[in-house]
């Protein structure tokens, strides 16, 4: 099932890309919820986090470490939030696993 994120990976839809390697791609969210709001997606199509398997463990770890790298690249240092929404009831609207990298404002707890 092709999503808008697959189309961004395949360059069928433009995006403001900030990072890319062989496993993942990051781009600015078109509806930002913070001054810095970047989406980090694996190139492998995994609909939701619960759909990941043990063989995806290295990829999931890579996404977390890459989020750190992107935060540094964007100049937000160590003051950022990572969000993964799993399923429609949790706010997931695109069913291709993605991490939201949010920064540039104070965040409250609990969220939402």
PDB file of N, CA and C in Angstrom:
ATOM      1  N   UNK A   1       0.844  -1.183   0.000  1.00  0.00           N
ATOM      2  CA  UNK A   1       0.000   0.000   0.000  1.00  0.00           C
ATOM      3  C   UNK A   1       0.886   1.243   0.000  1.00  0.00           C
ATOM      4  N   UNK A   2       0.763   2.051  -0.991  1.00  0.00           N
ATOM      5  CA  UNK A   2       1.577   3.251  -1.121  1.00  0.00           C
ATOM      6  C   UNK A   2       0.928   4.409  -0.367  1.00  0.00           C
ATOM      7  N   UNK A   3       1.738   5.092   0.438  1.00  0.00           N
ATOM      8  CA  UNK A   3       1.243   6.252   1.181  1.00  0.00           C
ATOM      9  C   UNK A   3       1.907   7.513   0.630  1.00  0.00           C
ATOM     10  N   UNK A   4       1.495   8.642   1.150  1.00  0.00           N
ATOM     11  CA  UNK A   4       2.120   9.908   0.764  1.00  0.00           C
ATOM     12  C   UNK A   4       3.617   9.881   1.094  1.00  0.00           C
ATOM     13  N   UNK A   5       3.996   9.179   2.165  1.00  0.00           N
ATOM     14  CA  UNK A   5       5.416   9.106   2.525  1.00  0.00           C
ATOM     15  C   UNK A   5       6.205   8.287   1.509  1.00  0.00           C
ATOM     16  N   UNK A   6       5.606   7.214   0.993  1.00  0.00           N
ATOM     17  CA  UNK A   6       6.269   6.437  -0.053  1.00  0.00           C
ATOM     18  C   UNK A   6       6.467   7.307  -1.288  1.00  0.00           C
ATOM     19  N   UNK A   7       5.478   8.132  -1.594  1.00  0.00           N
ATOM     20  CA  UNK A   7       5.587   9.022  -2.746  1.00  0.00           C
ATOM     21  C   UNK A   7       6.671  10.076  -2.533  1.00  0.00           C
ATOM     22  N   UNK A   8       6.873  10.514  -1.290  1.00  0.00           N
ATOM     23  CA  UNK A   8       7.970  11.445  -0.997  1.00  0.00           C
ATOM     24  C   UNK A   8       9.311  10.730  -1.158  1.00  0.00           C
ATOM     25  N   UNK A   9       9.418   9.510  -0.651  1.00  0.00           N
ATOM     26  CA  UNK A   9      10.653   8.725  -0.805  1.00  0.00           C
ATOM     27  C   UNK A   9      10.988   8.566  -2.284  1.00  0.00           C
ATOM     28  N   UNK A  10       9.974   8.284  -3.101  1.00  0.00           N
ATOM     29  CA  UNK A  10      10.167   8.057  -4.540  1.00  0.00           C
ATOM     30  C   UNK A  10      10.238   9.347  -5.348  1.00  0.00           C
ATOM     31  N   UNK A  11      10.171  10.491  -4.643  1.00  0.00           N
ATOM     32  CA  UNK A  11      10.249  11.819  -5.271  1.00  0.00           C
ATOM     33  C   UNK A  11       9.088  12.103  -6.219  1.00  0.00           C
ATOM     34  N   UNK A  12       7.942  11.462  -5.944  1.00  0.00           N
ATOM     35  CA  UNK A  12       6.734  11.727  -6.708  1.00  0.00           C
ATOM     36  C   UNK A  12       6.011  12.956  -6.162  1.00  0.00           C
ATOM     37  N   UNK A  13       6.266  13.271  -4.892  1.00  0.00           N
ATOM     38  CA  UNK A  13       5.699  14.442  -4.225  1.00  0.00           C
ATOM     39  C   UNK A  13       6.875  15.202  -3.622  1.00  0.00           C
ATOM     40  N   UNK A  14       6.922  16.519  -3.811  1.00  0.00           N
ATOM     41  CA  UNK A  14       8.051  17.281  -3.248  1.00  0.00           C
ATOM     42  C   UNK A  14       7.952  17.412  -1.728  1.00  0.00           C
ATOM     43  N   UNK A  15       9.102  17.519  -1.106  1.00  0.00           N
ATOM     44  CA  UNK A  15       9.178  17.749   0.335  1.00  0.00           C
ATOM     45  C   UNK A  15      10.473  18.495   0.607  1.00  0.00           C
ATOM     46  N   UNK A  16      10.491  19.218   1.710  1.00  0.00           N
ATOM     47  CA  UNK A  16      11.691  19.935   2.128  1.00  0.00           C
ATOM     48  C   UNK A  16      12.540  18.968   2.960  1.00  0.00           C
ATOM     49  N   UNK A  17      13.377  18.216   2.264  1.00  0.00           N
ATOM     50  CA  UNK A  17      14.174  17.153   2.873  1.00  0.00           C
ATOM     51  C   UNK A  17      15.349  17.748   3.632  1.00  0.00           C
ATOM     52  N   UNK A  18      15.552  17.247   4.856  1.00  0.00           N
ATOM     53  CA  UNK A  18      16.666  17.716   5.677  1.00  0.00           C
ATOM     54  C   UNK A  18      17.722  16.639   5.898  1.00  0.00           C
ATOM     55  N   UNK A  19      17.364  15.375   5.626  1.00  0.00           N
ATOM     56  CA  UNK A  19      18.318  14.280   5.837  1.00  0.00           C
ATOM     57  C   UNK A  19      17.860  13.071   5.029  1.00  0.00           C
ATOM     58  N   UNK A  20      18.853  12.332   4.516  1.00  0.00           N
ATOM     59  CA  UNK A  20      18.554  11.070   3.843  1.00  0.00           C
ATOM     60  C   UNK A  20      19.775  10.177   3.910  1.00  0.00           C
ATOM     61  N   UNK A  21      19.528   8.898   4.153  1.00  0.00           N
ATOM     62  CA  UNK A  21      20.567   7.884   4.018  1.00  0.00           C
ATOM     63  C   UNK A  21      19.916   6.649   3.392  1.00  0.00           C
ATOM     64  N   UNK A  22      20.597   5.532   3.397  1.00  0.00           N
ATOM     65  CA  UNK A  22      20.069   4.344   2.726  1.00  0.00           C
ATOM     66  C   UNK A  22      18.839   3.755   3.415  1.00  0.00           C
ATOM     67  N   UNK A  23      18.627   4.082   4.685  1.00  0.00           N
ATOM     68  CA  UNK A  23      17.534   3.492   5.445  1.00  0.00           C
ATOM     69  C   UNK A  23      16.360   4.421   5.735  1.00  0.00           C
ATOM     70  N   UNK A  24      16.601   5.725   5.710  1.00  0.00           N
ATOM     71  CA  UNK A  24      15.543   6.635   6.132  1.00  0.00           C
ATOM     72  C   UNK A  24      15.635   7.993   5.459  1.00  0.00           C
ATOM     73  N   UNK A  25      14.591   8.782   5.656  1.00  0.00           N
ATOM     74  CA  UNK A  25      14.466  10.108   5.056  1.00  0.00           C
ATOM     75  C   UNK A  25      13.773  11.008   6.078  1.00  0.00           C
ATOM     76  N   UNK A  26      14.200  12.259   6.163  1.00  0.00           N
ATOM     77  CA  UNK A  26      13.568  13.220   7.075  1.00  0.00           C
ATOM     78  C   UNK A  26      13.230  14.491   6.312  1.00  0.00           C
ATOM     79  N   UNK A  27      12.077  15.057   6.637  1.00  0.00           N
ATOM     80  CA  UNK A  27      11.613  16.262   5.942  1.00  0.00           C
ATOM     81  C   UNK A  27      10.727  17.078   6.875  1.00  0.00           C
ATOM     82  N   UNK A  28      10.605  18.360   6.570  1.00  0.00           N
ATOM     83  CA  UNK A  28       9.774  19.251   7.375  1.00  0.00           C
ATOM     84  C   UNK A  28       8.299  18.882   7.212  1.00  0.00           C
ATOM     85  N   UNK A  29       7.581  18.878   8.334  1.00  0.00           N
ATOM     86  CA  UNK A  29       6.141  18.616   8.327  1.00  0.00           C
ATOM     87  C   UNK A  29       5.424  19.797   7.670  1.00  0.00           C
ATOM     88  N   UNK A  30       4.439  19.513   6.828  1.00  0.00           N
ATOM     89  CA  UNK A  30       3.698  20.589   6.154  1.00  0.00           C
ATOM     90  C   UNK A  30       2.704  21.272   7.085  1.00  0.00           C
ATOM     91  N   UNK A  31       2.420  20.662   8.238  1.00  0.00           N
ATOM     92  CA  UNK A  31       1.518  21.238   9.230  1.00  0.00           C
ATOM     93  C   UNK A  31       2.237  21.243  10.583  1.00  0.00           C
ATOM     94  N   UNK A  32       3.258  22.092  10.735  1.00  0.00           N
ATOM     95  CA  UNK A  32       4.098  22.022  11.931  1.00  0.00           C
ATOM     96  C   UNK A  32       3.362  22.350  13.225  1.00  0.00           C
ATOM     97  N   UNK A  33       3.697  21.585  14.266  1.00  0.00           N
ATOM     98  CA  UNK A  33       3.124  21.774  15.587  1.00  0.00           C
ATOM     99  C   UNK A  33       4.115  22.419  16.553  1.00  0.00           C
ATOM    100  N   UNK A  34       5.273  22.800  16.035  1.00  0.00           N
ATOM    101  CA  UNK A  34       6.319  23.471  16.812  1.00  0.00           C
ATOM    102  C   UNK A  34       7.192  24.218  15.812  1.00  0.00           C
ATOM    103  N   UNK A  35       7.989  25.180  16.284  1.00  0.00           N
ATOM    104  CA  UNK A  35       8.876  25.898  15.356  1.00  0.00           C
ATOM    105  C   UNK A  35       9.761  24.967  14.524  1.00  0.00           C
ATOM    106  N   UNK A  36      10.225  23.890  15.136  1.00  0.00           N
ATOM    107  CA  UNK A  36      10.916  22.835  14.400  1.00  0.00           C
ATOM    108  C   UNK A  36      10.037  21.601  14.466  1.00  0.00           C
ATOM    109  N   UNK A  37       9.634  21.091  13.299  1.00  0.00           N
ATOM    110  CA  UNK A  37       8.814  19.877  13.232  1.00  0.00           C
ATOM    111  C   UNK A  37       9.212  19.108  11.982  1.00  0.00           C
ATOM    112  N   UNK A  38       9.985  18.071  12.202  1.00  0.00           N
ATOM    113  CA  UNK A  38      10.508  17.238  11.120  1.00  0.00           C
ATOM    114  C   UNK A  38       9.966  15.829  11.295  1.00  0.00           C
ATOM    115  N   UNK A  39       9.619  15.193  10.193  1.00  0.00           N
ATOM    116  CA  UNK A  39       9.197  13.798  10.202  1.00  0.00           C
ATOM    117  C   UNK A  39      10.352  12.929   9.724  1.00  0.00           C
ATOM    118  N   UNK A  40      10.625  11.880  10.465  1.00  0.00           N
ATOM    119  CA  UNK A  40      11.675  10.924  10.108  1.00  0.00           C
ATOM    120  C   UNK A  40      10.999   9.600   9.796  1.00  0.00           C
ATOM    121  N   UNK A  41      11.203   9.102   8.575  1.00  0.00           N
ATOM    122  CA  UNK A  41      10.520   7.889   8.132  1.00  0.00           C
ATOM    123  C   UNK A  41      11.523   6.851   7.648  1.00  0.00           C
ATOM    124  N   UNK A  42      11.253   5.583   7.918  1.00  0.00           N
ATOM    125  CA  UNK A  42      12.083   4.541   7.324  1.00  0.00           C
ATOM    126  C   UNK A  42      11.698   4.384   5.854  1.00  0.00           C
ATOM    127  N   UNK A  43      12.653   4.020   5.040  1.00  0.00           N
ATOM    128  CA  UNK A  43      12.323   3.752   3.635  1.00  0.00           C
ATOM    129  C   UNK A  43      11.558   2.443   3.490  1.00  0.00           C
ATOM    130  N   UNK A  44      11.743   1.544   4.439  1.00  0.00           N
ATOM    131  CA  UNK A  44      10.959   0.312   4.461  1.00  0.00           C
ATOM    132  C   UNK A  44       9.553   0.671   4.913  1.00  0.00           C
ATOM    133  N   UNK A  45       8.557   0.170   4.217  1.00  0.00           N
ATOM    134  CA  UNK A  45       7.171   0.461   4.580  1.00  0.00           C
ATOM    135  C   UNK A  45       6.742  -0.416   5.755  1.00  0.00           C
ATOM    136  N   UNK A  46       6.614   0.213   6.905  1.00  0.00           N
ATOM    137  CA  UNK A  46       6.078  -0.422   8.107  1.00  0.00           C
ATOM    138  C   UNK A  46       4.876   0.444   8.500  1.00  0.00           C
ATOM    139  N   UNK A  47       3.650  -0.082   8.425  1.00  0.00           N
ATOM    140  CA  UNK A  47       2.477   0.761   8.655  1.00  0.00           C
ATOM    141  C   UNK A  47       2.439   1.423  10.037  1.00  0.00           C
ATOM    142  N   UNK A  48       2.667   0.640  11.094  1.00  0.00           N
ATOM    143  CA  UNK A  48       2.600   1.145  12.461  1.00  0.00           C
ATOM    144  C   UNK A  48       3.752   0.529  13.251  1.00  0.00           C
ATOM    145  N   UNK A  49       4.073   1.114  14.384  1.00  0.00           N
ATOM    146  CA  UNK A  49       5.134   0.560  15.215  1.00  0.00           C
ATOM    147  C   UNK A  49       4.831  -0.878  15.608  1.00  0.00           C
ATOM    148  N   UNK A  50       3.567  -1.178  15.900  1.00  0.00           N
ATOM    149  CA  UNK A  50       3.213  -2.549  16.289  1.00  0.00           C
ATOM    150  C   UNK A  50       3.380  -3.547  15.147  1.00  0.00           C
ATOM    151  N   UNK A  51       3.553  -3.071  13.930  1.00  0.00           N
ATOM    152  CA  UNK A  51       3.776  -3.956  12.794  1.00  0.00           C
ATOM    153  C   UNK A  51       5.254  -4.280  12.592  1.00  0.00           C
ATOM    154  N   UNK A  52       6.130  -3.618  13.337  1.00  0.00           N
ATOM    155  CA  UNK A  52       7.563  -3.912  13.250  1.00  0.00           C
ATOM    156  C   UNK A  52       7.823  -5.280  13.871  1.00  0.00           C
ATOM    157  N   UNK A  53       8.844  -5.948  13.353  1.00  0.00           N
ATOM    158  CA  UNK A  53       9.203  -7.272  13.860  1.00  0.00           C
ATOM    159  C   UNK A  53      10.620  -7.232  14.418  1.00  0.00           C
ATOM    160  N   UNK A  54      11.039  -8.355  14.976  1.00  0.00           N
ATOM    161  CA  UNK A  54      12.387  -8.452  15.535  1.00  0.00           C
ATOM    162  C   UNK A  54      13.439  -8.135  14.471  1.00  0.00           C
ATOM    163  N   UNK A  55      13.167  -8.463  13.229  1.00  0.00           N
ATOM    164  CA  UNK A  55      14.149  -8.163  12.178  1.00  0.00           C
ATOM    165  C   UNK A  55      14.241  -6.669  11.875  1.00  0.00           C
ATOM    166  N   UNK A  56      13.319  -5.874  12.389  1.00  0.00           N
ATOM    167  CA  UNK A  56      13.360  -4.421  12.223  1.00  0.00           C
ATOM    168  C   UNK A  56      14.096  -3.718  13.368  1.00  0.00           C
ATOM    169  N   UNK A  57      14.615  -4.468  14.323  1.00  0.00           N
ATOM    170  CA  UNK A  57      15.239  -3.871  15.513  1.00  0.00           C
ATOM    171  C   UNK A  57      16.381  -2.919  15.145  1.00  0.00           C
ATOM    172  N   UNK A  58      17.250  -3.323  14.245  1.00  0.00           N
ATOM    173  CA  UNK A  58      18.371  -2.451  13.860  1.00  0.00           C
ATOM    174  C   UNK A  58      17.852  -1.180  13.180  1.00  0.00           C
ATOM    175  N   UNK A  59      16.827  -1.307  12.356  1.00  0.00           N
ATOM    176  CA  UNK A  59      16.245  -0.136  11.691  1.00  0.00           C
ATOM    177  C   UNK A  59      15.641   0.822  12.719  1.00  0.00           C
ATOM    178  N   UNK A  60      14.922   0.293  13.690  1.00  0.00           N
ATOM    179  CA  UNK A  60      14.311   1.133  14.719  1.00  0.00           C
ATOM    180  C   UNK A  60      15.385   1.861  15.527  1.00  0.00           C
ATOM    181  N   UNK A  61      16.457   1.167  15.865  1.00  0.00           N
ATOM    182  CA  UNK A  61      17.572   1.805  16.560  1.00  0.00           C
ATOM    183  C   UNK A  61      18.214   2.881  15.703  1.00  0.00           C
ATOM    184  N   UNK A  62      18.347   2.605  14.424  1.00  0.00           N
ATOM    185  CA  UNK A  62      18.917   3.578  13.491  1.00  0.00           C
ATOM    186  C   UNK A  62      18.065   4.850  13.463  1.00  0.00           C
ATOM    187  N   UNK A  63      16.747   4.696  13.471  1.00  0.00           N
ATOM    188  CA  UNK A  63      15.863   5.862  13.470  1.00  0.00           C
ATOM    189  C   UNK A  63      16.091   6.720  14.716  1.00  0.00           C
ATOM    190  N   UNK A  64      16.227   6.084  15.863  1.00  0.00           N
ATOM    191  CA  UNK A  64      16.439   6.841  17.104  1.00  0.00           C
ATOM    192  C   UNK A  64      17.763   7.602  17.060  1.00  0.00           C
ATOM    193  N   UNK A  65      18.828   6.946  16.637  1.00  0.00           N
ATOM    194  CA  UNK A  65      20.129   7.609  16.570  1.00  0.00           C
ATOM    195  C   UNK A  65      20.142   8.691  15.490  1.00  0.00           C
ATOM    196  N   UNK A  66      19.431   8.456  14.405  1.00  0.00           N
ATOM    197  CA  UNK A  66      19.353   9.453  13.344  1.00  0.00           C
ATOM    198  C   UNK A  66      18.570  10.673  13.809  1.00  0.00           C
ATOM    199  N   UNK A  67      17.554  10.477  14.638  1.00  0.00           N
ATOM    200  CA  UNK A  67      16.810  11.615  15.200  1.00  0.00           C
ATOM    201  C   UNK A  67      17.760  12.524  15.979  1.00  0.00           C
ATOM    202  N   UNK A  68      18.674  11.935  16.743  1.00  0.00           N
ATOM    203  CA  UNK A  68      19.681  12.730  17.456  1.00  0.00           C
ATOM    204  C   UNK A  68      20.523  13.542  16.487  1.00  0.00           C
ATOM    205  N   UNK A  69      20.965  12.886  15.432  1.00  0.00           N
ATOM    206  CA  UNK A  69      21.809  13.535  14.431  1.00  0.00           C
ATOM    207  C   UNK A  69      21.074  14.704  13.769  1.00  0.00           C
ATOM    208  N   UNK A  70      19.814  14.489  13.439  1.00  0.00           N
ATOM    209  CA  UNK A  70      19.017  15.535  12.795  1.00  0.00           C
ATOM    210  C   UNK A  70      18.797  16.712  13.748  1.00  0.00           C
ATOM    211  N   UNK A  71      18.530  16.425  15.015  1.00  0.00           N
ATOM    212  CA  UNK A  71      18.351  17.496  16.001  1.00  0.00           C
ATOM    213  C   UNK A  71      19.609  18.357  16.084  1.00  0.00           C
ATOM    214  N   UNK A  72      20.761  17.726  16.086  1.00  0.00           N
ATOM    215  CA  UNK A  72      22.022  18.474  16.105  1.00  0.00           C
ATOM    216  C   UNK A  72      22.157  19.306  14.834  1.00  0.00           C
ATOM    217  N   UNK A  73      21.863  18.693  13.696  1.00  0.00           N
ATOM    218  CA  UNK A  73      21.960  19.377  12.400  1.00  0.00           C
ATOM    219  C   UNK A  73      21.051  20.594  12.350  1.00  0.00           C
ATOM    220  N   UNK A  74      19.867  20.495  12.962  1.00  0.00           N
ATOM    221  CA  UNK A  74      18.901  21.591  12.944  1.00  0.00           C
ATOM    222  C   UNK A  74      19.174  22.631  14.027  1.00  0.00           C
ATOM    223  N   UNK A  75      20.163  22.371  14.863  1.00  0.00           N
ATOM    224  CA  UNK A  75      20.547  23.335  15.887  1.00  0.00           C
ATOM    225  C   UNK A  75      19.673  23.355  17.125  1.00  0.00           C
ATOM    226  N   UNK A  76      18.925  22.273  17.371  1.00  0.00           N
ATOM    227  CA  UNK A  76      18.085  22.245  18.558  1.00  0.00           C
ATOM    228  C   UNK A  76      18.753  21.529  19.722  1.00  0.00           C
ATOM    229  N   UNK A  77      19.960  21.033  19.498  1.00  0.00           N
ATOM    230  CA  UNK A  77      20.730  20.417  20.572  1.00  0.00           C
ATOM    231  C   UNK A  77      20.025  19.248  21.208  1.00  0.00           C
ATOM    232  N   UNK A  78      19.938  19.304  22.541  1.00  0.00           N
ATOM    233  CA  UNK A  78      19.323  18.184  23.255  1.00  0.00           C
ATOM    234  C   UNK A  78      17.943  18.542  23.803  1.00  0.00           C
ATOM    235  N   UNK A  79      17.329  19.593  23.267  1.00  0.00           N
ATOM    236  CA  UNK A  79      15.997  20.014  23.721  1.00  0.00           C
ATOM    237  C   UNK A  79      14.978  19.743  22.628  1.00  0.00           C
ATOM    238  N   UNK A  80      14.566  18.488  22.507  1.00  0.00           N
ATOM    239  CA  UNK A  80      13.565  18.123  21.503  1.00  0.00           C
ATOM    240  C   UNK A  80      12.719  16.978  22.023  1.00  0.00           C
ATOM    241  N   UNK A  81      11.566  16.800  21.391  1.00  0.00           N
ATOM    242  CA  UNK A  81      10.668  15.698  21.737  1.00  0.00           C
ATOM    243  C   UNK A  81      10.510  14.809  20.520  1.00  0.00           C
ATOM    244  N   UNK A  82      10.509  13.495  20.756  1.00  0.00           N
ATOM    245  CA  UNK A  82      10.202  12.518  19.715  1.00  0.00           C
ATOM    246  C   UNK A  82       8.818  11.956  20.001  1.00  0.00           C
ATOM    247  N   UNK A  83       8.001  11.866  18.953  1.00  0.00           N
ATOM    248  CA  UNK A  83       6.647  11.327  19.102  1.00  0.00           C
ATOM    249  C   UNK A  83       6.430  10.278  18.026  1.00  0.00           C
ATOM    250  N   UNK A  84       5.884   9.131  18.449  1.00  0.00           N
ATOM    251  CA  UNK A  84       5.430   8.103  17.515  1.00  0.00           C
ATOM    252  C   UNK A  84       3.972   7.823  17.856  1.00  0.00           C
ATOM    253  N   UNK A  85       3.089   8.115  16.925  1.00  0.00           N
ATOM    254  CA  UNK A  85       1.669   7.803  17.096  1.00  0.00           C
ATOM    255  C   UNK A  85       1.428   6.433  16.473  1.00  0.00           C
ATOM    256  N   UNK A  86       0.790   5.544  17.227  1.00  0.00           N
ATOM    257  CA  UNK A  86       0.540   4.191  16.745  1.00  0.00           C
ATOM    258  C   UNK A  86      -0.964   3.951  16.660  1.00  0.00           C
ATOM    259  N   UNK A  87      -1.497   4.005  15.455  1.00  0.00           N
ATOM    260  CA  UNK A  87      -2.919   3.761  15.238  1.00  0.00           C
ATOM    261  C   UNK A  87      -3.734   5.047  15.215  1.00  0.00           C
ATOM    262  N   UNK A  88      -4.876   4.966  14.597  1.00  0.00           N
ATOM    263  CA  UNK A  88      -5.739   6.137  14.417  1.00  0.00           C
ATOM    264  C   UNK A  88      -6.155   6.761  15.745  1.00  0.00           C
ATOM    265  N   UNK A  89      -6.472   5.945  16.733  1.00  0.00           N
ATOM    266  CA  UNK A  89      -6.906   6.483  18.022  1.00  0.00           C
ATOM    267  C   UNK A  89      -5.783   7.215  18.752  1.00  0.00           C
ATOM    268  N   UNK A  90      -4.537   6.971  18.355  1.00  0.00           N
ATOM    269  CA  UNK A  90      -3.391   7.671  18.951  1.00  0.00           C
ATOM    270  C   UNK A  90      -2.986   8.884  18.120  1.00  0.00           C
ATOM    271  N   UNK A  91      -3.720   9.146  17.044  1.00  0.00           N
ATOM    272  CA  UNK A  91      -3.438  10.316  16.219  1.00  0.00           C
ATOM    273  C   UNK A  91      -2.662  10.028  14.952  1.00  0.00           C
ATOM    274  N   UNK A  92      -2.404   8.758  14.643  1.00  0.00           N
ATOM    275  CA  UNK A  92      -1.678   8.441  13.411  1.00  0.00           C
ATOM    276  C   UNK A  92      -2.604   8.637  12.228  1.00  0.00           C
ATOM    277  N   UNK A  93      -2.183   9.469  11.269  1.00  0.00           N
ATOM    278  CA  UNK A  93      -3.015   9.726  10.092  1.00  0.00           C
ATOM    279  C   UNK A  93      -2.403   9.177   8.808  1.00  0.00           C
ATOM    280  N   UNK A  94      -1.097   8.955   8.807  1.00  0.00           N
ATOM    281  CA  UNK A  94      -0.431   8.323   7.666  1.00  0.00           C
ATOM    282  C   UNK A  94       0.121   6.989   8.175  1.00  0.00           C
ATOM    283  N   UNK A  95      -0.306   5.907   7.550  1.00  0.00           N
ATOM    284  CA  UNK A  95       0.076   4.588   8.032  1.00  0.00           C
ATOM    285  C   UNK A  95       1.358   4.096   7.366  1.00  0.00           C
ATOM    286  N   UNK A  96       2.401   4.827   7.690  1.00  0.00           N
ATOM    287  CA  UNK A  96       3.798   4.513   7.374  1.00  0.00           C
ATOM    288  C   UNK A  96       4.538   5.022   8.605  1.00  0.00           C
ATOM    289  N   UNK A  97       5.142   4.122   9.352  1.00  0.00           N
ATOM    290  CA  UNK A  97       5.807   4.484  10.597  1.00  0.00           C
ATOM    291  C   UNK A  97       6.613   5.764  10.433  1.00  0.00           C
ATOM    292  N   UNK A  98       6.480   6.677  11.406  1.00  0.00           N
ATOM    293  CA  UNK A  98       7.256   7.916  11.352  1.00  0.00           C
ATOM    294  C   UNK A  98       7.450   8.477  12.747  1.00  0.00           C
ATOM    295  N   UNK A  99       8.567   9.147  12.927  1.00  0.00           N
ATOM    296  CA  UNK A  99       8.873   9.841  14.166  1.00  0.00           C
ATOM    297  C   UNK A  99       8.721  11.324  13.917  1.00  0.00           C
ATOM    298  N   UNK A 100       8.047  11.997  14.830  1.00  0.00           N
ATOM    299  CA  UNK A 100       7.980  13.455  14.801  1.00  0.00           C
ATOM    300  C   UNK A 100       9.137  13.962  15.657  1.00  0.00           C
ATOM    301  N   UNK A 101       9.962  14.827  15.104  1.00  0.00           N
ATOM    302  CA  UNK A 101      11.015  15.502  15.865  1.00  0.00           C
ATOM    303  C   UNK A 101      10.514  16.930  16.075  1.00  0.00           C
ATOM    304  N   UNK A 102      10.201  17.267  17.313  1.00  0.00           N
ATOM    305  CA  UNK A 102       9.610  18.559  17.651  1.00  0.00           C
ATOM    306  C   UNK A 102      10.545  19.340  18.564  1.00  0.00           C
ATOM    307  N   UNK A 103      10.716  20.631  18.267  1.00  0.00           N
ATOM    308  CA  UNK A 103      11.595  21.466  19.097  1.00  0.00           C
ATOM    309  C   UNK A 103      11.259  22.931  18.878  1.00  0.00           C
ATOM    310  N   UNK A 104      11.884  23.775  19.688  1.00  0.00           N
ATOM    311  CA  UNK A 104      11.751  25.205  19.497  1.00  0.00           C
ATOM    312  C   UNK A 104      10.713  25.871  20.373  1.00  0.00           C
ATOM    313  N   UNK A 105      10.075  25.104  21.250  1.00  0.00           N
ATOM    314  CA  UNK A 105       9.131  25.671  22.209  1.00  0.00           C
ATOM    315  C   UNK A 105       9.095  24.743  23.418  1.00  0.00           C
ATOM    316  N   UNK A 106       8.547  25.242  24.524  1.00  0.00           N
ATOM    317  CA  UNK A 106       8.391  24.403  25.715  1.00  0.00           C
ATOM    318  C   UNK A 106       7.222  23.435  25.507  1.00  0.00           C
ATOM    319  N   UNK A 107       7.392  22.226  25.970  1.00  0.00           N
ATOM    320  CA  UNK A 107       6.338  21.213  25.867  1.00  0.00           C
ATOM    321  C   UNK A 107       5.811  20.888  27.250  1.00  0.00           C
ATOM    322  N   UNK A 108       4.547  20.565  27.322  1.00  0.00           N
ATOM    323  CA  UNK A 108       3.892  20.211  28.587  1.00  0.00           C
ATOM    324  C   UNK A 108       3.796  18.693  28.712  1.00  0.00           C
ATOM    325  N   UNK A 109       3.561  18.246  29.935  1.00  0.00           N
ATOM    326  CA  UNK A 109       3.309  16.827  30.169  1.00  0.00           C
ATOM    327  C   UNK A 109       2.107  16.709  31.076  1.00  0.00           C
ATOM    328  N   UNK A 110       1.150  15.859  30.815  1.00  0.00           N
ATOM    329  CA  UNK A 110       1.139  14.942  29.675  1.00  0.00           C
ATOM    330  C   UNK A 110       0.710  15.633  28.397  1.00  0.00           C
ATOM    331  N   UNK A 111       1.157  15.110  27.252  1.00  0.00           N
ATOM    332  CA  UNK A 111       0.758  15.688  25.971  1.00  0.00           C
ATOM    333  C   UNK A 111      -0.682  15.334  25.645  1.00  0.00           C
ATOM    334  N   UNK A 112      -1.267  16.096  24.734  1.00  0.00           N
ATOM    335  CA  UNK A 112      -2.601  15.809  24.203  1.00  0.00           C
ATOM    336  C   UNK A 112      -3.649  15.745  25.248  1.00  0.00           C
TER     337      UNK A 112
END
